[in-house]
Amino acid sequence: MGAAVEIPRHLLENWASWRLGDVEALAADVRARCAEAVRAWDLGSLTPLPGGEVALVMAARVASGEAVLKVSPRSPGAAPGHEAEALALWAGAGVAPALLGVRDGGHTLLLERVRPGLSLRDTGAGAQEILQTIGALCRRIHLRVEHHRLPTLAEHAREDGWFDALAGTPECAELQRLCASSAADRLLHVDLHWLNVLRGADGWLAIDPKGCVGDPCAEVWALFDGPPRTGIPCDPAAARAHVRRLVDVYARAAGLDPERVDAWVRIRALVTLAQADPAAIREPGLARLAARR
């Protein structure tokens, strides 16, 4: 590889906004790991790909054809990532791109490039189509898994600060109940929204999972990005009715209990509101997802 890879400005800004660590140190580590991956996997023709909000994502050439190199920021002493294990399980079921290589404890991945690779945003999908498409995909990605190293949903929630965000509120106890393990637990994506599904040659594929095992009704992020979130009416009564219709559409497509899905939507909206910088919330959809008792 020639000159050092340039880290897009929006990634640096996101790392700073989300307090992932010293931004200059993170950038230096990402550049170094990118160079090491290029050498180790003999990658050619690296070009940036749009759409990444956290990781550096680049198209590459390998001996077998096209690939995608994904290098995620990694704080010092970071635990191994879980994305690779989840992707490998889904790739085996035909619902994720093939995993071609893993380095750096799962923080550097080499993946099959999805073609045509259009997201639901690229296709211009509206709220109902987004929820029906992602809901149908949930039926295929919510696998029963055994003998895995993935965290439980409760462990993911704790690591991601969900319990801290709701500390001292009645909803914290509700979150604990919803996170309790059961025989119904399945492999979860946790961040499955309209940009994290891509159209492949044989249907829709999931990318960029957080990867954990727990209640499939927790897979509600489809409502939190794009038209499902931005199209909620201003009037409180109308907003409640609108969100409930969205929940019903999604739950029906995913084969999930709409009441439990509704509970998870409200809890995750409250968590997200509590964790967000108030100055960064310019669109009121989150508050409308949360205020629905």
C-alpha atoms as a PDB file:
ATOM      1  CA  MET A   1       0.000   0.000   0.000  1.00  0.00           C
ATOM      2  CA  GLY A   2       1.269   3.474  -0.796  1.00  0.00           C
ATOM      3  CA  ALA A   3       0.427   6.556   1.247  1.00  0.00           C
ATOM      4  CA  ALA A   4      -1.244   6.151   4.618  1.00  0.00           C
ATOM      5  CA  VAL A   5      -5.011   5.813   4.460  1.00  0.00           C
ATOM      6  CA  GLU A   6      -6.904   9.015   5.174  1.00  0.00           C
ATOM      7  CA  ILE A   7      -9.549   8.714   7.904  1.00  0.00           C
ATOM      8  CA  PRO A   8     -12.743  10.525   6.791  1.00  0.00           C
ATOM      9  CA  ARG A   9     -13.505  13.603   8.848  1.00  0.00           C
ATOM     10  CA  HIS A  10     -16.979  12.381   9.831  1.00  0.00           C
ATOM     11  CA  LEU A  11     -15.455   9.275  11.454  1.00  0.00           C
ATOM     12  CA  LEU A  12     -13.077  11.399  13.531  1.00  0.00           C
ATOM     13  CA  GLU A  13     -15.992  13.608  14.572  1.00  0.00           C
ATOM     14  CA  ASN A  14     -18.108  10.582  15.486  1.00  0.00           C
ATOM     15  CA  TRP A  15     -15.324   9.036  17.557  1.00  0.00           C
ATOM     16  CA  ALA A  16     -14.978  12.307  19.452  1.00  0.00           C
ATOM     17  CA  SER A  17     -18.749  12.752  19.879  1.00  0.00           C
ATOM     18  CA  TRP A  18     -19.195   9.192  21.142  1.00  0.00           C
ATOM     19  CA  ARG A  19     -16.130   9.454  23.436  1.00  0.00           C
ATOM     20  CA  LEU A  20     -14.470   6.347  22.049  1.00  0.00           C
ATOM     21  CA  GLY A  21     -11.061   7.500  23.250  1.00  0.00           C
ATOM     22  CA  ASP A  22      -8.185   9.703  22.153  1.00  0.00           C
ATOM     23  CA  VAL A  23      -9.087  10.405  18.532  1.00  0.00           C
ATOM     24  CA  GLU A  24      -5.509  10.819  17.299  1.00  0.00           C
ATOM     25  CA  ALA A  25      -4.470   7.541  18.922  1.00  0.00           C
ATOM     26  CA  LEU A  26      -7.512   5.744  17.501  1.00  0.00           C
ATOM     27  CA  ALA A  27      -6.745   7.103  14.021  1.00  0.00           C
ATOM     28  CA  ALA A  28      -3.098   6.042  14.217  1.00  0.00           C
ATOM     29  CA  ASP A  29      -4.139   2.537  15.303  1.00  0.00           C
ATOM     30  CA  VAL A  30      -6.694   2.238  12.487  1.00  0.00           C
ATOM     31  CA  ARG A  31      -4.124   3.351   9.882  1.00  0.00           C
ATOM     32  CA  ALA A  32      -1.543   0.872  11.189  1.00  0.00           C
ATOM     33  CA  ARG A  33      -4.001  -2.031  11.251  1.00  0.00           C
ATOM     34  CA  CYS A  34      -5.237  -1.149   7.783  1.00  0.00           C
ATOM     35  CA  ALA A  35      -1.658  -1.313   6.451  1.00  0.00           C
ATOM     36  CA  GLU A  36      -1.041  -4.621   8.256  1.00  0.00           C
ATOM     37  CA  ALA A  37      -4.253  -6.103   6.849  1.00  0.00           C
ATOM     38  CA  VAL A  38      -3.314  -5.046   3.310  1.00  0.00           C
ATOM     39  CA  ARG A  39       0.004  -6.857   3.650  1.00  0.00           C
ATOM     40  CA  ALA A  40      -1.388  -9.937   5.389  1.00  0.00           C
ATOM     41  CA  TRP A  41      -4.266 -10.431   2.951  1.00  0.00           C
ATOM     42  CA  ASP A  42      -2.455  -9.133  -0.137  1.00  0.00           C
ATOM     43  CA  LEU A  43      -5.156  -6.567  -0.837  1.00  0.00           C
ATOM     44  CA  GLY A  44      -5.148  -4.307  -3.859  1.00  0.00           C
ATOM     45  CA  SER A  45      -7.054  -1.325  -5.245  1.00  0.00           C
ATOM     46  CA  LEU A  46      -8.268   0.063  -1.902  1.00  0.00           C
ATOM     47  CA  THR A  47     -10.943   2.739  -2.284  1.00  0.00           C
ATOM     48  CA  PRO A  48     -13.167   4.276   0.418  1.00  0.00           C
ATOM     49  CA  LEU A  49     -16.792   3.179   0.581  1.00  0.00           C
ATOM     50  CA  PRO A  50     -19.553   5.543   1.752  1.00  0.00           C
ATOM     51  CA  GLY A  51     -21.911   4.873   4.627  1.00  0.00           C
ATOM     52  CA  GLY A  52     -19.696   3.884   7.551  1.00  0.00           C
ATOM     53  CA  GLU A  53     -20.362   5.827  10.751  1.00  0.00           C
ATOM     54  CA  VAL A  54     -17.851   4.128  13.077  1.00  0.00           C
ATOM     55  CA  ALA A  55     -15.450   1.908  11.141  1.00  0.00           C
ATOM     56  CA  LEU A  56     -13.159   2.663   8.229  1.00  0.00           C
ATOM     57  CA  VAL A  57     -14.713   0.714   5.329  1.00  0.00           C
ATOM     58  CA  MET A  58     -12.885   0.245   2.029  1.00  0.00           C
ATOM     59  CA  ALA A  59     -13.414  -1.717  -1.147  1.00  0.00           C
ATOM     60  CA  ALA A  60     -10.500  -3.979  -2.033  1.00  0.00           C
ATOM     61  CA  ARG A  61      -9.394  -6.597  -4.512  1.00  0.00           C
ATOM     62  CA  VAL A  62      -8.388 -10.121  -3.519  1.00  0.00           C
ATOM     63  CA  ALA A  63      -7.362 -13.071  -5.656  1.00  0.00           C
ATOM     64  CA  SER A  64     -10.954 -14.327  -5.789  1.00  0.00           C
ATOM     65  CA  GLY A  65     -12.453 -10.951  -6.726  1.00  0.00           C
ATOM     66  CA  GLU A  66     -14.034  -8.091  -4.769  1.00  0.00           C
ATOM     67  CA  ALA A  67     -13.915  -7.692  -1.003  1.00  0.00           C
ATOM     68  CA  VAL A  68     -14.561  -5.142   1.737  1.00  0.00           C
ATOM     69  CA  LEU A  69     -12.014  -4.265   4.421  1.00  0.00           C
ATOM     70  CA  LYS A  70     -13.566  -3.034   7.662  1.00  0.00           C
ATOM     71  CA  VAL A  71     -11.271  -1.604  10.362  1.00  0.00           C
ATOM     72  CA  SER A  72     -13.098  -0.619  13.556  1.00  0.00           C
ATOM     73  CA  PRO A  73     -11.640   1.821  16.119  1.00  0.00           C
ATOM     74  CA  ARG A  74     -10.175  -0.050  19.079  1.00  0.00           C
ATOM     75  CA  SER A  75      -9.445   1.450  22.473  1.00  0.00           C
ATOM     76  CA  PRO A  76      -6.367   0.198  24.364  1.00  0.00           C
ATOM     77  CA  GLY A  77      -7.163  -3.085  26.096  1.00  0.00           C
ATOM     78  CA  ALA A  78     -10.414  -3.521  24.179  1.00  0.00           C
ATOM     79  CA  ALA A  79     -12.099  -6.900  24.516  1.00  0.00           C
ATOM     80  CA  PRO A  80     -12.455  -9.064  21.393  1.00  0.00           C
ATOM     81  CA  GLY A  81     -15.329  -8.015  19.138  1.00  0.00           C
ATOM     82  CA  HIS A  82     -18.350 -10.222  18.475  1.00  0.00           C
ATOM     83  CA  GLU A  83     -19.243  -9.098  14.976  1.00  0.00           C
ATOM     84  CA  ALA A  84     -17.214 -11.803  13.222  1.00  0.00           C
ATOM     85  CA  GLU A  85     -18.867 -14.695  15.054  1.00  0.00           C
ATOM     86  CA  ALA A  86     -22.353 -13.382  14.346  1.00  0.00           C
ATOM     87  CA  LEU A  87     -21.540 -12.772  10.676  1.00  0.00           C
ATOM     88  CA  ALA A  88     -20.058 -16.261  10.289  1.00  0.00           C
ATOM     89  CA  LEU A  89     -23.233 -17.829  11.670  1.00  0.00           C
ATOM     90  CA  TRP A  90     -25.434 -15.752   9.381  1.00  0.00           C
ATOM     91  CA  ALA A  91     -23.231 -16.295   6.331  1.00  0.00           C
ATOM     92  CA  GLY A  92     -23.710 -20.017   6.857  1.00  0.00           C
ATOM     93  CA  ALA A  93     -27.465 -19.437   6.729  1.00  0.00           C
ATOM     94  CA  GLY A  94     -27.225 -17.224   3.633  1.00  0.00           C
ATOM     95  CA  VAL A  95     -28.235 -13.982   5.350  1.00  0.00           C
ATOM     96  CA  ALA A  96     -24.874 -12.165   5.597  1.00  0.00           C
ATOM     97  CA  PRO A  97     -21.831 -11.637   3.356  1.00  0.00           C
ATOM     98  CA  ALA A  98     -19.131 -14.295   3.572  1.00  0.00           C
ATOM     99  CA  LEU A  99     -16.433 -13.653   6.184  1.00  0.00           C
ATOM    100  CA  LEU A 100     -13.065 -13.931   4.410  1.00  0.00           C
ATOM    101  CA  GLY A 101     -10.686 -12.985   7.215  1.00  0.00           C
ATOM    102  CA  VAL A 102     -10.485 -11.829  10.843  1.00  0.00           C
ATOM    103  CA  ARG A 103      -7.649  -9.975  12.595  1.00  0.00           C
ATOM    104  CA  ASP A 104      -7.073  -7.917  15.746  1.00  0.00           C
ATOM    105  CA  GLY A 105      -9.550  -9.727  17.956  1.00  0.00           C
ATOM    106  CA  GLY A 106     -12.370  -9.206  15.481  1.00  0.00           C
ATOM    107  CA  HIS A 107     -11.780  -5.468  15.091  1.00  0.00           C
ATOM    108  CA  THR A 108     -10.466  -5.913  11.533  1.00  0.00           C
ATOM    109  CA  LEU A 109     -12.576  -7.903   9.073  1.00  0.00           C
ATOM    110  CA  LEU A 110     -12.361  -8.885   5.442  1.00  0.00           C
ATOM    111  CA  LEU A 111     -15.770  -9.536   3.899  1.00  0.00           C
ATOM    112  CA  GLU A 112     -17.289 -10.540   0.607  1.00  0.00           C
ATOM    113  CA  ARG A 113     -18.512  -7.450  -1.253  1.00  0.00           C
ATOM    114  CA  VAL A 114     -22.299  -7.494  -1.617  1.00  0.00           C
ATOM    115  CA  ARG A 115     -23.645  -6.757  -5.084  1.00  0.00           C
ATOM    116  CA  PRO A 116     -25.690  -4.814  -6.035  1.00  0.00           C
ATOM    117  CA  GLY A 117     -25.251  -3.720  -2.400  1.00  0.00           C
ATOM    118  CA  LEU A 118     -28.108  -1.225  -2.197  1.00  0.00           C
ATOM    119  CA  SER A 119     -29.438  -0.335   1.243  1.00  0.00           C
ATOM    120  CA  LEU A 120     -33.097   0.392   1.936  1.00  0.00           C
ATOM    121  CA  ARG A 121     -32.195   4.084   1.883  1.00  0.00           C
ATOM    122  CA  ASP A 122     -30.683   3.655  -1.578  1.00  0.00           C
ATOM    123  CA  THR A 123     -33.883   2.050  -2.849  1.00  0.00           C
ATOM    124  CA  GLY A 124     -36.035   4.928  -1.519  1.00  0.00           C
ATOM    125  CA  ALA A 125     -38.083   2.651   0.729  1.00  0.00           C
ATOM    126  CA  GLY A 126     -40.773   4.188   2.940  1.00  0.00           C
ATOM    127  CA  ALA A 127     -41.479   3.344   6.567  1.00  0.00           C
ATOM    128  CA  GLN A 128     -43.797   0.408   5.949  1.00  0.00           C
ATOM    129  CA  GLU A 129     -41.534  -1.210   3.347  1.00  0.00           C
ATOM    130  CA  ILE A 130     -38.526  -0.807   5.645  1.00  0.00           C
ATOM    131  CA  LEU A 131     -40.310  -2.480   8.540  1.00  0.00           C
ATOM    132  CA  GLN A 132     -41.725  -5.289   6.432  1.00  0.00           C
ATOM    133  CA  THR A 133     -38.355  -5.989   4.796  1.00  0.00           C
ATOM    134  CA  ILE A 134     -36.354  -5.949   8.021  1.00  0.00           C
ATOM    135  CA  GLY A 135     -39.081  -7.848   9.853  1.00  0.00           C
ATOM    136  CA  ALA A 136     -38.967 -10.608   7.244  1.00  0.00           C
ATOM    137  CA  LEU A 137     -35.174 -10.711   7.541  1.00  0.00           C
ATOM    138  CA  CYS A 138     -35.497 -11.131  11.319  1.00  0.00           C
ATOM    139  CA  ARG A 139     -37.235 -14.461  10.779  1.00  0.00           C
ATOM    140  CA  ARG A 140     -34.016 -15.679   9.119  1.00  0.00           C
ATOM    141  CA  ILE A 141     -31.347 -14.073  11.305  1.00  0.00           C
ATOM    142  CA  HIS A 142     -32.848 -14.964  14.686  1.00  0.00           C
ATOM    143  CA  LEU A 143     -31.077 -18.306  14.848  1.00  0.00           C
ATOM    144  CA  ARG A 144     -30.992 -20.613  17.836  1.00  0.00           C
ATOM    145  CA  VAL A 145     -27.283 -20.905  18.655  1.00  0.00           C
ATOM    146  CA  GLU A 146     -25.323 -23.137  21.005  1.00  0.00           C
ATOM    147  CA  HIS A 147     -21.645 -23.417  21.971  1.00  0.00           C
ATOM    148  CA  HIS A 148     -20.938 -19.775  21.150  1.00  0.00           C
ATOM    149  CA  ARG A 149     -18.817 -17.022  22.715  1.00  0.00           C
ATOM    150  CA  LEU A 150     -21.330 -14.266  22.141  1.00  0.00           C
ATOM    151  CA  PRO A 151     -22.498 -12.138  25.095  1.00  0.00           C
ATOM    152  CA  THR A 152     -26.030 -12.333  26.393  1.00  0.00           C
ATOM    153  CA  LEU A 153     -28.354  -9.419  25.725  1.00  0.00           C
ATOM    154  CA  ALA A 154     -28.076  -8.461  29.404  1.00  0.00           C
ATOM    155  CA  GLU A 155     -24.272  -8.377  29.122  1.00  0.00           C
ATOM    156  CA  HIS A 156     -24.479  -6.268  25.972  1.00  0.00           C
ATOM    157  CA  ALA A 157     -26.950  -3.898  27.654  1.00  0.00           C
ATOM    158  CA  ARG A 158     -24.659  -3.506  30.645  1.00  0.00           C
ATOM    159  CA  GLU A 159     -21.560  -2.924  28.513  1.00  0.00           C
ATOM    160  CA  ASP A 160     -23.415  -0.433  26.307  1.00  0.00           C
ATOM    161  CA  GLY A 161     -24.649   1.560  29.304  1.00  0.00           C
ATOM    162  CA  TRP A 162     -28.381   0.799  29.050  1.00  0.00           C
ATOM    163  CA  PHE A 163     -28.760   0.097  32.759  1.00  0.00           C
ATOM    164  CA  ASP A 164     -26.731   3.161  33.729  1.00  0.00           C
ATOM    165  CA  ALA A 165     -28.908   5.291  31.440  1.00  0.00           C
ATOM    166  CA  LEU A 166     -32.076   4.183  33.263  1.00  0.00           C
ATOM    167  CA  ALA A 167     -30.627   4.029  36.779  1.00  0.00           C
ATOM    168  CA  GLY A 168     -33.093   5.203  39.405  1.00  0.00           C
ATOM    169  CA  THR A 169     -36.150   4.867  37.148  1.00  0.00           C
ATOM    170  CA  PRO A 170     -38.912   2.217  37.108  1.00  0.00           C
ATOM    171  CA  GLU A 171     -37.852   1.412  33.550  1.00  0.00           C
ATOM    172  CA  CYS A 172     -34.520   0.065  34.827  1.00  0.00           C
ATOM    173  CA  ALA A 173     -36.349  -2.811  36.530  1.00  0.00           C
ATOM    174  CA  GLU A 174     -38.417  -3.296  33.382  1.00  0.00           C
ATOM    175  CA  LEU A 175     -35.218  -3.515  31.335  1.00  0.00           C
ATOM    176  CA  GLN A 176     -33.866  -6.152  33.709  1.00  0.00           C
ATOM    177  CA  ARG A 177     -37.017  -8.226  33.252  1.00  0.00           C
ATOM    178  CA  LEU A 178     -36.926  -7.875  29.475  1.00  0.00           C
ATOM    179  CA  CYS A 179     -33.247  -8.903  29.373  1.00  0.00           C
ATOM    180  CA  ALA A 180     -33.753 -12.077  31.402  1.00  0.00           C
ATOM    181  CA  SER A 181     -32.565 -15.169  29.528  1.00  0.00           C
ATOM    182  CA  SER A 182     -35.119 -17.739  28.375  1.00  0.00           C
ATOM    183  CA  ALA A 183     -35.531 -20.702  26.053  1.00  0.00           C
ATOM    184  CA  ALA A 184     -36.806 -18.284  23.404  1.00  0.00           C
ATOM    185  CA  ASP A 185     -33.439 -16.484  23.139  1.00  0.00           C
ATOM    186  CA  ARG A 186     -31.968 -16.161  19.660  1.00  0.00           C
ATOM    187  CA  LEU A 187     -28.987 -14.626  17.864  1.00  0.00           C
ATOM    188  CA  LEU A 188     -29.546 -10.840  17.685  1.00  0.00           C
ATOM    189  CA  HIS A 189     -28.136  -8.048  15.541  1.00  0.00           C
ATOM    190  CA  VAL A 190     -29.266  -5.209  17.899  1.00  0.00           C
ATOM    191  CA  ASP A 191     -28.526  -2.464  15.312  1.00  0.00           C
ATOM    192  CA  LEU A 192     -30.628  -3.690  12.373  1.00  0.00           C
ATOM    193  CA  HIS A 193     -31.852  -0.519  10.626  1.00  0.00           C
ATOM    194  CA  TRP A 194     -32.365   0.577   7.019  1.00  0.00           C
ATOM    195  CA  LEU A 195     -28.639   1.120   6.348  1.00  0.00           C
ATOM    196  CA  ASN A 196     -27.534  -2.214   7.825  1.00  0.00           C
ATOM    197  CA  VAL A 197     -29.332  -4.392   5.314  1.00  0.00           C
ATOM    198  CA  LEU A 198     -28.012  -4.674   1.757  1.00  0.00           C
ATOM    199  CA  ARG A 199     -29.557  -6.237  -1.295  1.00  0.00           C
ATOM    200  CA  GLY A 200     -27.511  -9.210  -2.465  1.00  0.00           C
ATOM    201  CA  ALA A 201     -27.904 -11.320  -5.560  1.00  0.00           C
ATOM    202  CA  ASP A 202     -30.391 -13.613  -3.804  1.00  0.00           C
ATOM    203  CA  GLY A 203     -32.093 -11.252  -1.343  1.00  0.00           C
ATOM    204  CA  TRP A 204     -31.438  -9.007   1.638  1.00  0.00           C
ATOM    205  CA  LEU A 205     -28.346  -9.506   3.819  1.00  0.00           C
ATOM    206  CA  ALA A 206     -27.469  -8.161   7.287  1.00  0.00           C
ATOM    207  CA  ILE A 207     -24.222  -6.263   7.956  1.00  0.00           C
ATOM    208  CA  ASP A 208     -22.569  -4.491  10.903  1.00  0.00           C
ATOM    209  CA  PRO A 209     -24.099  -6.467  13.807  1.00  0.00           C
ATOM    210  CA  LYS A 210     -23.335  -5.878  17.464  1.00  0.00           C
ATOM    211  CA  GLY A 211     -23.932  -9.613  18.011  1.00  0.00           C
ATOM    212  CA  CYS A 212     -25.456 -11.073  21.181  1.00  0.00           C
ATOM    213  CA  VAL A 213     -27.997 -13.685  22.255  1.00  0.00           C
ATOM    214  CA  GLY A 214     -31.320 -12.759  23.848  1.00  0.00           C
ATOM    215  CA  ASP A 215     -34.960 -11.830  23.402  1.00  0.00           C
ATOM    216  CA  PRO A 216     -35.769 -11.514  19.668  1.00  0.00           C
ATOM    217  CA  CYS A 217     -38.352  -8.826  20.535  1.00  0.00           C
ATOM    218  CA  ALA A 218     -35.402  -6.578  21.449  1.00  0.00           C
ATOM    219  CA  GLU A 219     -34.558  -6.350  17.721  1.00  0.00           C
ATOM    220  CA  VAL A 220     -36.399  -3.049  17.297  1.00  0.00           C
ATOM    221  CA  TRP A 221     -33.826  -0.678  15.813  1.00  0.00           C
ATOM    222  CA  ALA A 222     -35.659  -0.782  12.487  1.00  0.00           C
ATOM    223  CA  LEU A 223     -37.968   1.880  13.976  1.00  0.00           C
ATOM    224  CA  PHE A 224     -35.124   4.128  15.097  1.00  0.00           C
ATOM    225  CA  ASP A 225     -33.557   5.338  11.866  1.00  0.00           C
ATOM    226  CA  GLY A 226     -34.898   6.866   8.676  1.00  0.00           C
ATOM    227  CA  PRO A 227     -38.601   7.150   7.760  1.00  0.00           C
ATOM    228  CA  PRO A 228     -39.995   5.012  10.632  1.00  0.00           C
ATOM    229  CA  ARG A 229     -38.559   7.526  13.113  1.00  0.00           C
ATOM    230  CA  THR A 230     -38.813  10.763  11.151  1.00  0.00           C
ATOM    231  CA  GLY A 231     -42.413  10.252  10.008  1.00  0.00           C
ATOM    232  CA  ILE A 232     -44.020  10.210  13.464  1.00  0.00           C
ATOM    233  CA  PRO A 233     -46.744  12.918  13.826  1.00  0.00           C
ATOM    234  CA  CYS A 234     -46.358  15.809  16.280  1.00  0.00           C
ATOM    235  CA  ASP A 235     -49.694  15.404  18.068  1.00  0.00           C
ATOM    236  CA  PRO A 236     -49.176  13.056  21.073  1.00  0.00           C
ATOM    237  CA  ALA A 237     -52.323  11.001  20.490  1.00  0.00           C
ATOM    238  CA  ALA A 238     -51.641  10.718  16.776  1.00  0.00           C
ATOM    239  CA  ALA A 239     -48.017   9.819  17.518  1.00  0.00           C
ATOM    240  CA  ARG A 240     -49.032   6.993  19.846  1.00  0.00           C
ATOM    241  CA  ALA A 241     -51.452   5.550  17.287  1.00  0.00           C
ATOM    242  CA  HIS A 242     -48.921   5.915  14.469  1.00  0.00           C
ATOM    243  CA  VAL A 243     -46.108   4.205  16.363  1.00  0.00           C
ATOM    244  CA  ARG A 244     -48.403   1.392  17.394  1.00  0.00           C
ATOM    245  CA  ARG A 245     -49.313   0.802  13.746  1.00  0.00           C
ATOM    246  CA  LEU A 246     -45.609   0.691  12.873  1.00  0.00           C
ATOM    247  CA  VAL A 247     -44.960  -1.758  15.702  1.00  0.00           C
ATOM    248  CA  ASP A 248     -47.800  -3.981  14.507  1.00  0.00           C
ATOM    249  CA  VAL A 249     -46.489  -3.981  10.919  1.00  0.00           C
ATOM    250  CA  TYR A 250     -42.992  -4.872  12.106  1.00  0.00           C
ATOM    251  CA  ALA A 251     -44.054  -7.497  14.645  1.00  0.00           C
ATOM    252  CA  ARG A 252     -46.293  -9.209  12.109  1.00  0.00           C
ATOM    253  CA  ALA A 253     -43.498  -9.334   9.503  1.00  0.00           C
ATOM    254  CA  ALA A 254     -40.976 -10.615  12.072  1.00  0.00           C
ATOM    255  CA  GLY A 255     -43.323 -13.073  13.775  1.00  0.00           C
ATOM    256  CA  LEU A 256     -42.899 -11.338  17.128  1.00  0.00           C
ATOM    257  CA  ASP A 257     -45.233 -10.439  20.004  1.00  0.00           C
ATOM    258  CA  PRO A 258     -46.342  -6.833  19.308  1.00  0.00           C
ATOM    259  CA  GLU A 259     -46.848  -6.009  22.999  1.00  0.00           C
ATOM    260  CA  ARG A 260     -43.317  -7.052  23.874  1.00  0.00           C
ATOM    261  CA  VAL A 261     -41.900  -5.315  20.803  1.00  0.00           C
ATOM    262  CA  ASP A 262     -43.735  -2.152  21.882  1.00  0.00           C
ATOM    263  CA  ALA A 263     -42.202  -2.397  25.360  1.00  0.00           C
ATOM    264  CA  TRP A 264     -38.716  -2.738  23.887  1.00  0.00           C
ATOM    265  CA  VAL A 265     -39.243   0.242  21.550  1.00  0.00           C
ATOM    266  CA  ARG A 266     -40.120   2.461  24.482  1.00  0.00           C
ATOM    267  CA  ILE A 267     -37.237   1.216  26.656  1.00  0.00           C
ATOM    268  CA  ARG A 268     -34.628   1.587  23.929  1.00  0.00           C
ATOM    269  CA  ALA A 269     -35.930   5.052  23.067  1.00  0.00           C
ATOM    270  CA  LEU A 270     -35.564   6.097  26.710  1.00  0.00           C
ATOM    271  CA  VAL A 271     -32.030   4.665  26.836  1.00  0.00           C
ATOM    272  CA  THR A 272     -31.055   6.479  23.655  1.00  0.00           C
ATOM    273  CA  LEU A 273     -32.489   9.772  24.892  1.00  0.00           C
ATOM    274  CA  ALA A 274     -30.650   9.443  28.188  1.00  0.00           C
ATOM    275  CA  GLN A 275     -27.330   8.699  26.455  1.00  0.00           C
ATOM    276  CA  ALA A 276     -27.553  11.358  23.757  1.00  0.00           C
ATOM    277  CA  ASP A 277     -26.101  14.834  23.895  1.00  0.00           C
ATOM    278  CA  PRO A 278     -29.241  17.037  24.149  1.00  0.00           C
ATOM    279  CA  ALA A 279     -27.770  19.484  21.658  1.00  0.00           C
ATOM    280  CA  ALA A 280     -27.482  16.659  19.121  1.00  0.00           C
ATOM    281  CA  ILE A 281     -31.174  15.742  19.212  1.00  0.00           C
ATOM    282  CA  ARG A 282     -32.720  18.027  16.619  1.00  0.00           C
ATOM    283  CA  GLU A 283     -35.404  15.613  15.455  1.00  0.00           C
ATOM    284  CA  PRO A 284     -38.114  14.739  18.027  1.00  0.00           C
ATOM    285  CA  GLY A 285     -38.861  11.200  16.847  1.00  0.00           C
ATOM    286  CA  LEU A 286     -37.010   9.619  19.783  1.00  0.00           C
ATOM    287  CA  ALA A 287     -39.146  11.439  22.334  1.00  0.00           C
ATOM    288  CA  ARG A 288     -42.278  10.344  20.491  1.00  0.00           C
ATOM    289  CA  LEU A 289     -41.092   6.730  20.514  1.00  0.00           C
ATOM    290  CA  ALA A 290     -40.473   6.979  24.258  1.00  0.00           C
ATOM    291  CA  ALA A 291     -43.584   8.880  25.466  1.00  0.00           C
ATOM    292  CA  ARG A 292     -46.301   6.343  24.758  1.00  0.00           C
ATOM    293  CA  ARG A 293     -47.907   5.214  28.021  1.00  0.00           C
END
